[in-house]
Amino acid sequence: MRFLSEHQIFRETLRAFIQKEIIPHIDSWEKSGEIDKSIWKKMGEMGFMGLIFPEKYGGLNLDFYYSLIFCEEISKCYSGGFSVSALVIQYMSAPYLWKYASEELKEKYLAPTINGDMVSAVAITEPGVGSDVQQMKTTAVLEGDEYIVNGSKTFITNGYYGDFFITAVKTDPKVGSKGISLLVIDRNADGVSCNKINKLGWHASDTAEIAFDQVRVPKSNLVGEVGQGFKYLMGGLQLERLTAAIHSYATAESALEYTLKYIKERHAFNRAIKDFQVIRHRFAQMQADLETVKAFVYHCCDLQNEGVYAVKECSIAKLQTSELAIKIVGECLQMFGGYGFTEDYKIARLYRDVRVGTIIAGTSEIMLEILAKIIIDDVDYAAK
């Protein structure tokens, strides 16, 4: 893979935007637990929310390397909460509309999301179910021209302040995965209630518990075909895990950059911390480890750009980057000594935020089981 001059221009433009429009507000968003929605409109006007989508709906239809750059740069603003909110909109929820929804839904929900007027979320995880998607309990019963939805979801990013959810429901509970469908449900529909979750990290993002009590959803809000939801979700997971992997290593990169500046300025025993061999070697090893996994993720981005359904590669990327990021940020915090344990330095926030990387988009244990099935049991996860 090779970045072209236009990719670099895009990176510089994005960096300038982040420095001007995002970084100055991060601390206040972290404290309030709410991202000012005007930022999505500003990003939409710049085209940042529609990199992968067709021009017909306001997107730019660019190659995936622009998205790679976007994921890298947006993950270096010292707020995992803000970063993940942006990634969920463009890479984890809206793609289901783009790929499977009717033209009516695309015009009503996808186009406004791309231009920054609406915030999307994807509602899959349920209390007591977690990664076992097939065991979800939320039901959607068709009555005339409406589905009646009952159930609950949890750990939904953008679930409190967002405008709509791409929601996984059981339209036929008797047939397992073939009974799962996707519905677009408005956040403010009658019978929808949300509670924000008080989290260890990601304070800027609104992670929510959502309850559906006799929610009436138009039949026209069905995304794609009835009973195809599980297939759609499995198809979307590779992009979700790849962007999560980029987010993890980019977060680790930002921690290393932040720490390098500190160890150059901080002195102990009459010399800069950077001059102690134990620090130098530890830092060098972290950089070597990070560059190794980053190169593999770039390989995965090549596959994504070519349209390859790379379950094995994306699972490896998600596993290795998230585990390494936790280790690196922890090591970086140690180099700050007592200051690393205070809120005066951003490394404390990064330490909190990075921990969830091994849980989101499929836990490390799930990634290992997927890989074990591929490597040991010869399971083929080819796209269907």
Protein backbone atom coordinates (compact mmCIF):
# COMPACT_ATOMS: atom_id res chain seq x y z
CA MET A 1 0.00 0.00 0.00
CA ARG A 2 1.19 3.49 -0.78
CA PHE A 3 -0.33 6.84 0.20
CA LEU A 4 -0.64 9.20 -2.73
CA SER A 5 -0.18 12.96 -2.56
CA GLU A 6 -3.95 13.46 -2.37
CA HIS A 7 -4.08 11.16 0.66
CA GLN A 8 -1.46 13.27 2.40
CA ILE A 9 -3.33 16.47 1.57
CA PHE A 10 -6.44 14.93 3.08
CA ARG A 11 -4.50 14.00 6.24
CA GLU A 12 -3.18 17.53 6.62
CA THR A 13 -6.64 19.02 6.06
CA LEU A 14 -8.17 16.66 8.60
CA ARG A 15 -5.44 17.37 11.17
CA ALA A 16 -5.98 21.10 10.82
CA PHE A 17 -9.71 20.63 11.29
CA ILE A 18 -9.20 18.47 14.39
CA GLN A 19 -6.83 21.02 15.92
CA LYS A 20 -9.25 23.88 15.30
CA GLU A 21 -12.70 22.36 15.79
CA ILE A 22 -12.26 19.31 18.04
CA ILE A 23 -9.23 19.48 20.35
CA PRO A 24 -10.30 22.75 22.06
CA HIS A 25 -13.61 21.14 23.11
CA ILE A 26 -12.47 17.66 24.15
CA ASP A 27 -12.02 18.44 27.86
CA SER A 28 -15.47 20.00 28.17
CA TRP A 29 -17.11 17.11 26.31
CA GLU A 30 -15.33 14.68 28.61
CA LYS A 31 -16.57 16.53 31.71
CA SER A 32 -20.15 16.94 30.50
CA GLY A 33 -20.40 13.44 29.03
CA GLU A 34 -21.92 14.91 25.89
CA ILE A 35 -20.53 15.81 22.48
CA ASP A 36 -21.87 19.04 21.01
CA LYS A 37 -23.88 17.90 17.99
CA SER A 38 -22.75 20.90 15.97
CA ILE A 39 -19.41 19.13 15.42
CA TRP A 40 -21.12 16.47 13.30
CA LYS A 41 -22.57 19.15 11.07
CA LYS A 42 -19.17 20.77 10.67
CA MET A 43 -17.62 17.39 9.85
CA GLY A 44 -20.44 16.66 7.42
CA GLU A 45 -19.87 19.93 5.61
CA MET A 46 -16.21 18.97 5.18
CA GLY A 47 -17.19 15.58 3.79
CA PHE A 48 -15.61 13.70 6.69
CA MET A 49 -18.78 11.74 7.52
CA GLY A 50 -19.28 10.33 4.04
CA LEU A 51 -15.89 9.07 2.91
CA ILE A 52 -17.10 5.57 2.02
CA PHE A 53 -20.59 6.41 0.79
CA PRO A 54 -21.86 7.12 -2.76
CA GLU A 55 -22.08 10.68 -4.02
CA LYS A 56 -25.81 10.13 -4.58
CA TYR A 57 -26.38 10.44 -0.83
CA GLY A 58 -23.85 13.18 -0.23
CA GLY A 59 -20.81 10.94 0.20
CA LEU A 60 -17.41 11.14 -1.48
CA ASN A 61 -17.02 7.48 -2.57
CA LEU A 62 -13.29 7.45 -1.81
CA ASP A 63 -10.95 4.49 -1.50
CA PHE A 64 -10.48 2.94 1.93
CA TYR A 65 -7.12 4.60 2.53
CA TYR A 66 -8.95 7.85 3.21
CA SER A 67 -10.89 6.02 5.89
CA LEU A 68 -7.66 4.59 7.28
CA ILE A 69 -6.32 8.12 7.61
CA PHE A 70 -9.60 9.33 9.13
CA CYS A 71 -9.57 6.54 11.73
CA GLU A 72 -5.94 7.23 12.60
CA GLU A 73 -6.27 10.97 13.01
CA ILE A 74 -9.64 10.98 14.78
CA SER A 75 -8.20 8.47 17.27
CA LYS A 76 -5.42 10.85 18.29
CA CYS A 77 -7.54 13.56 19.90
CA TYR A 78 -7.07 12.14 23.44
CA SER A 79 -10.70 11.10 23.77
CA GLY A 80 -11.70 7.55 22.98
CA GLY A 81 -15.29 8.60 23.61
CA PHE A 82 -15.34 11.17 20.85
CA SER A 83 -13.36 8.95 18.49
CA VAL A 84 -15.64 5.95 18.87
CA SER A 85 -18.76 8.07 18.40
CA ALA A 86 -17.43 9.22 15.03
CA LEU A 87 -16.36 5.70 14.02
CA VAL A 88 -19.71 4.17 15.01
CA ILE A 89 -21.59 6.60 12.78
CA GLN A 90 -19.60 6.06 9.59
CA TYR A 91 -18.27 2.50 9.89
CA MET A 92 -20.44 0.56 12.33
CA SER A 93 -24.03 1.68 11.80
CA ALA A 94 -24.65 3.74 8.64
CA PRO A 95 -23.09 1.08 6.32
CA TYR A 96 -26.11 -1.16 6.92
CA LEU A 97 -28.32 1.55 5.42
CA TRP A 98 -25.98 2.01 2.48
CA LYS A 99 -25.72 -1.69 1.66
CA TYR A 100 -29.19 -3.02 2.39
CA ALA A 101 -31.81 -0.31 3.02
CA SER A 102 -34.49 0.90 0.63
CA GLU A 103 -34.08 4.16 -1.24
CA GLU A 104 -36.70 5.65 1.06
CA LEU A 105 -34.63 4.84 4.17
CA LYS A 106 -31.43 6.02 2.54
CA GLU A 107 -32.95 9.39 1.76
CA LYS A 108 -34.55 9.69 5.19
CA TYR A 109 -31.65 8.48 7.35
CA LEU A 110 -28.41 7.91 5.44
CA ALA A 111 -28.20 11.24 3.62
CA PRO A 112 -28.83 13.30 6.81
CA THR A 113 -26.22 11.22 8.64
CA ILE A 114 -23.62 11.87 5.96
CA ASN A 115 -24.24 15.63 6.05
CA GLY A 116 -24.12 15.70 9.84
CA ASP A 117 -27.77 16.40 10.60
CA MET A 118 -28.40 13.02 12.23
CA VAL A 119 -26.39 10.71 14.50
CA SER A 120 -26.69 6.96 14.03
CA ALA A 121 -26.14 4.01 16.33
CA VAL A 122 -26.23 0.24 15.96
CA ALA A 123 -28.14 -1.68 18.64
CA ILE A 124 -27.15 -5.33 18.83
CA THR A 125 -25.84 -6.23 22.29
CA GLU A 126 -28.35 -7.21 24.97
CA PRO A 127 -28.12 -7.72 28.74
CA GLY A 128 -27.02 -11.27 29.50
CA VAL A 129 -26.30 -12.09 25.86
CA GLY A 130 -23.19 -10.15 24.85
CA SER A 131 -21.37 -11.68 21.91
CA ASP A 132 -23.90 -14.50 21.42
CA VAL A 133 -26.01 -12.55 18.94
CA GLN A 134 -28.21 -15.51 18.04
CA GLN A 135 -29.59 -15.59 21.59
CA MET A 136 -30.98 -12.06 21.55
CA LYS A 137 -34.46 -11.64 23.04
CA THR A 138 -35.73 -8.39 21.49
CA THR A 139 -38.73 -9.22 19.31
CA ALA A 140 -40.52 -7.49 16.44
CA VAL A 141 -44.00 -8.81 15.69
CA LEU A 142 -45.63 -7.69 12.46
CA GLU A 143 -49.12 -6.28 12.86
CA GLY A 144 -50.48 -4.86 9.64
CA ASP A 145 -48.04 -2.26 8.36
CA GLU A 146 -46.10 -1.99 11.64
CA TYR A 147 -43.72 -4.02 13.73
CA ILE A 148 -44.32 -4.05 17.49
CA VAL A 149 -40.92 -4.12 19.18
CA ASN A 150 -40.27 -5.25 22.75
CA GLY A 151 -36.95 -5.90 24.47
CA SER A 152 -33.77 -4.16 25.49
CA LYS A 153 -30.24 -3.37 24.36
CA THR A 154 -27.14 -2.31 26.24
CA PHE A 155 -23.69 -0.78 25.67
CA ILE A 156 -25.01 1.19 22.70
CA THR A 157 -22.66 3.99 21.63
CA ASN A 158 -24.60 7.09 20.55
CA GLY A 159 -27.64 5.46 22.13
CA TYR A 160 -28.64 8.40 24.33
CA TYR A 161 -28.02 11.49 22.19
CA GLY A 162 -28.27 9.77 18.81
CA ASP A 163 -31.24 10.11 16.47
CA PHE A 164 -31.88 6.52 15.39
CA PHE A 165 -30.73 2.94 15.88
CA ILE A 166 -30.05 0.17 13.39
CA THR A 167 -31.62 -2.43 15.65
CA ALA A 168 -31.26 -6.21 15.58
CA VAL A 169 -34.57 -7.91 16.40
CA LYS A 170 -36.09 -11.36 16.32
CA THR A 171 -38.85 -11.39 13.72
CA ASP A 172 -39.12 -15.17 14.07
CA PRO A 173 -37.73 -16.49 17.38
CA LYS A 174 -38.24 -20.12 16.32
CA VAL A 175 -35.57 -20.32 13.60
CA GLY A 176 -32.42 -19.07 15.33
CA SER A 177 -30.13 -16.85 13.29
CA LYS A 178 -32.51 -16.99 10.31
CA GLY A 179 -35.12 -15.20 12.40
CA ILE A 180 -33.04 -12.06 12.97
CA SER A 181 -33.84 -8.87 11.07
CA LEU A 182 -32.73 -5.23 11.18
CA LEU A 183 -35.05 -2.30 11.82
CA VAL A 184 -34.45 1.45 11.89
CA ILE A 185 -35.96 2.73 15.14
CA ASP A 186 -36.18 6.42 15.96
CA ARG A 187 -34.67 7.43 19.29
CA ASN A 188 -37.74 9.50 20.19
CA ALA A 189 -40.40 6.98 19.15
CA ASP A 190 -43.11 6.24 21.71
CA GLY A 191 -42.05 3.39 23.98
CA VAL A 192 -38.30 3.95 23.59
CA SER A 193 -36.47 4.82 26.80
CA CYS A 194 -32.73 5.26 27.32
CA ASN A 195 -30.39 5.48 30.28
CA LYS A 196 -26.75 6.54 30.09
CA ILE A 197 -24.22 4.06 31.44
CA ASN A 198 -21.63 5.37 33.90
CA LYS A 199 -18.40 4.04 32.42
CA LEU A 200 -14.76 3.62 33.42
CA GLY A 201 -13.64 5.49 30.30
CA TRP A 202 -14.97 6.94 27.06
CA HIS A 203 -16.61 9.67 29.12
CA ALA A 204 -17.42 11.90 26.14
CA SER A 205 -19.51 9.23 24.42
CA ASP A 206 -23.09 8.47 25.37
CA THR A 207 -23.16 4.72 25.91
CA ALA A 208 -26.72 3.72 26.73
CA GLU A 209 -29.13 1.05 27.87
CA ILE A 210 -32.22 1.09 25.65
CA ALA A 211 -35.65 -0.36 26.41
CA PHE A 212 -38.38 -0.98 23.82
CA ASP A 213 -41.90 -1.21 25.20
CA GLN A 214 -44.56 -1.80 22.56
CA VAL A 215 -42.68 0.41 20.10
CA ARG A 216 -44.53 0.71 16.81
CA VAL A 217 -42.13 0.77 13.86
CA PRO A 218 -43.29 1.16 10.24
CA LYS A 219 -42.82 -1.96 8.16
CA SER A 220 -40.98 0.26 5.69
CA ASN A 221 -38.22 0.69 8.31
CA LEU A 222 -37.08 -2.88 7.70
CA VAL A 223 -33.48 -2.87 6.50
CA GLY A 224 -33.11 -5.31 3.63
CA GLU A 225 -35.00 -8.58 3.81
CA VAL A 226 -36.76 -10.27 6.71
CA GLY A 227 -34.59 -12.90 8.37
CA GLN A 228 -31.35 -11.68 6.79
CA GLY A 229 -30.21 -9.56 9.74
CA PHE A 230 -27.69 -12.04 11.10
CA LYS A 231 -26.07 -12.36 7.68
CA TYR A 232 -25.92 -8.57 7.37
CA LEU A 233 -24.38 -8.21 10.82
CA MET A 234 -21.72 -10.85 10.18
CA GLY A 235 -20.85 -9.10 6.93
CA GLY A 236 -20.41 -5.78 8.72
CA LEU A 237 -18.24 -7.08 11.53
CA GLN A 238 -15.02 -7.14 9.50
CA LEU A 239 -15.17 -3.39 8.82
CA GLU A 240 -16.11 -2.79 12.45
CA ARG A 241 -13.17 -4.84 13.73
CA LEU A 242 -10.74 -3.29 11.26
CA THR A 243 -11.66 0.24 12.29
CA ALA A 244 -11.44 -0.83 15.95
CA ALA A 245 -7.94 -2.15 15.25
CA ILE A 246 -6.90 1.13 13.63
CA HIS A 247 -8.34 2.99 16.61
CA SER A 248 -6.34 0.83 19.04
CA TYR A 249 -2.94 1.26 17.45
CA ALA A 250 -3.55 4.96 16.75
CA THR A 251 -4.42 5.47 20.40
CA ALA A 252 -1.18 3.71 21.34
CA GLU A 253 0.69 5.94 18.89
CA SER A 254 -0.77 9.05 20.48
CA ALA A 255 0.28 7.75 23.90
CA LEU A 256 3.84 7.20 22.69
CA GLU A 257 4.01 10.67 21.12
CA TYR A 258 2.65 12.26 24.29
CA THR A 259 5.03 10.26 26.49
CA LEU A 260 8.07 11.00 24.33
CA LYS A 261 7.51 14.69 24.81
CA TYR A 262 7.23 14.19 28.56
CA ILE A 263 10.39 12.08 28.98
CA LYS A 264 12.37 14.65 27.02
CA GLU A 265 11.23 17.47 29.30
CA ARG A 266 11.09 15.68 32.67
CA HIS A 267 14.33 15.42 34.67
CA ALA A 268 15.36 13.15 37.53
CA PHE A 269 18.75 12.71 39.18
CA ASN A 270 20.07 15.66 37.16
CA ARG A 271 19.28 14.29 33.72
CA ALA A 272 16.34 13.87 31.38
CA ILE A 273 14.30 10.71 31.86
CA LYS A 274 14.89 9.88 28.19
CA ASP A 275 18.58 9.34 28.95
CA PHE A 276 18.02 6.41 31.32
CA GLN A 277 18.77 3.19 29.45
CA VAL A 278 15.82 1.31 30.94
CA ILE A 279 13.47 4.00 29.62
CA ARG A 280 15.16 4.19 26.23
CA HIS A 281 15.02 0.46 25.64
CA ARG A 282 11.47 0.09 26.89
CA PHE A 283 10.33 2.91 24.64
CA ALA A 284 12.18 1.45 21.66
CA GLN A 285 10.57 -1.94 22.20
CA MET A 286 7.10 -0.43 22.38
CA GLN A 287 7.70 1.41 19.12
CA ALA A 288 8.98 -1.77 17.46
CA ASP A 289 5.95 -3.75 18.62
CA LEU A 290 3.58 -1.06 17.43
CA GLU A 291 5.17 -0.72 14.00
CA THR A 292 4.88 -4.50 13.54
CA VAL A 293 1.14 -4.69 14.19
CA LYS A 294 0.53 -1.46 12.27
CA ALA A 295 2.10 -3.00 9.17
CA PHE A 296 -0.26 -5.95 9.45
CA VAL A 297 -3.28 -3.68 9.84
CA TYR A 298 -2.20 -1.83 6.71
CA HIS A 299 -2.23 -5.19 4.95
CA CYS A 300 -5.79 -5.68 6.19
CA CYS A 301 -6.67 -2.25 4.82
CA ASP A 302 -5.36 -3.36 1.43
CA LEU A 303 -7.73 -6.33 1.59
CA GLN A 304 -10.63 -4.09 2.63
CA ASN A 305 -9.91 -1.73 -0.24
CA GLU A 306 -9.97 -4.69 -2.62
CA GLY A 307 -13.31 -5.89 -1.25
CA VAL A 308 -11.92 -9.05 0.35
CA TYR A 309 -14.00 -10.56 3.17
CA ALA A 310 -11.02 -11.08 5.46
CA VAL A 311 -12.33 -12.69 8.65
CA LYS A 312 -9.03 -14.25 9.69
CA GLU A 313 -6.95 -11.15 9.03
CA CYS A 314 -9.37 -8.69 10.67
CA SER A 315 -9.73 -10.95 13.70
CA ILE A 316 -5.95 -11.07 14.10
CA ALA A 317 -5.72 -7.30 13.70
CA LYS A 318 -8.43 -6.64 16.27
CA LEU A 319 -6.89 -9.10 18.75
CA GLN A 320 -3.27 -8.00 18.48
CA THR A 321 -3.79 -4.24 18.35
CA SER A 322 -6.22 -4.05 21.27
CA GLU A 323 -4.06 -6.21 23.53
CA LEU A 324 -0.89 -4.33 22.59
CA ALA A 325 -2.51 -0.91 23.02
CA ILE A 326 -3.42 -1.72 26.63
CA LYS A 327 0.16 -2.80 27.31
CA ILE A 328 1.72 0.25 25.65
CA VAL A 329 -0.52 2.83 27.31
CA GLY A 330 0.11 1.14 30.67
CA GLU A 331 3.87 1.32 30.12
CA CYS A 332 3.57 4.96 29.10
CA LEU A 333 1.64 5.82 32.23
CA GLN A 334 4.42 4.21 34.29
CA MET A 335 6.94 6.58 32.74
CA PHE A 336 4.95 9.51 34.10
CA GLY A 337 5.35 8.18 37.61
CA GLY A 338 2.88 9.68 40.07
CA TYR A 339 1.81 12.29 37.57
CA GLY A 340 0.41 9.54 35.37
CA PHE A 341 -2.12 8.80 38.10
CA THR A 342 -3.52 12.31 38.01
CA GLU A 343 -6.05 13.97 35.75
CA ASP A 344 -3.55 16.73 35.02
CA TYR A 345 -2.03 14.60 32.27
CA LYS A 346 -3.89 13.06 29.35
CA ILE A 347 -2.19 9.71 29.81
CA ALA A 348 -4.66 8.92 32.62
CA ARG A 349 -7.59 9.36 30.23
CA LEU A 350 -5.90 7.27 27.56
CA TYR A 351 -5.31 4.56 30.16
CA ARG A 352 -9.03 4.44 30.99
CA ASP A 353 -10.17 4.66 27.40
CA VAL A 354 -7.90 2.04 25.88
CA ARG A 355 -9.01 -0.73 28.22
CA VAL A 356 -12.29 -1.38 26.42
CA GLY A 357 -10.48 -2.21 23.18
CA THR A 358 -10.32 -5.91 24.02
CA ILE A 359 -14.08 -5.96 24.64
CA ILE A 360 -15.74 -3.94 21.86
CA ALA A 361 -16.55 -5.42 18.43
CA GLY A 362 -15.97 -8.91 19.79
CA THR A 363 -13.81 -9.70 22.81
CA SER A 364 -10.28 -11.06 22.57
CA GLU A 365 -11.69 -14.42 23.60
CA ILE A 366 -14.14 -14.34 20.69
CA MET A 367 -11.33 -13.37 18.30
CA LEU A 368 -9.26 -16.31 19.51
CA GLU A 369 -12.16 -18.72 19.08
CA ILE A 370 -12.81 -17.48 15.55
CA LEU A 371 -9.14 -17.96 14.73
CA ALA A 372 -9.09 -21.40 16.36
CA LYS A 373 -12.04 -22.49 14.23
CA ILE A 374 -10.30 -21.25 11.07
CA ILE A 375 -6.86 -22.66 11.88
CA ILE A 376 -7.75 -25.90 13.68
CA ASP A 377 -11.26 -26.82 12.49
CA ASP A 378 -10.93 -25.56 8.88
CA VAL A 379 -14.05 -23.43 9.23
CA ASP A 380 -14.62 -21.24 6.18
CA TYR A 381 -16.11 -17.83 6.94
CA ALA A 382 -16.40 -16.85 3.30
CA ALA A 383 -18.90 -14.10 2.57
CA LYS A 384 -22.35 -15.44 1.67
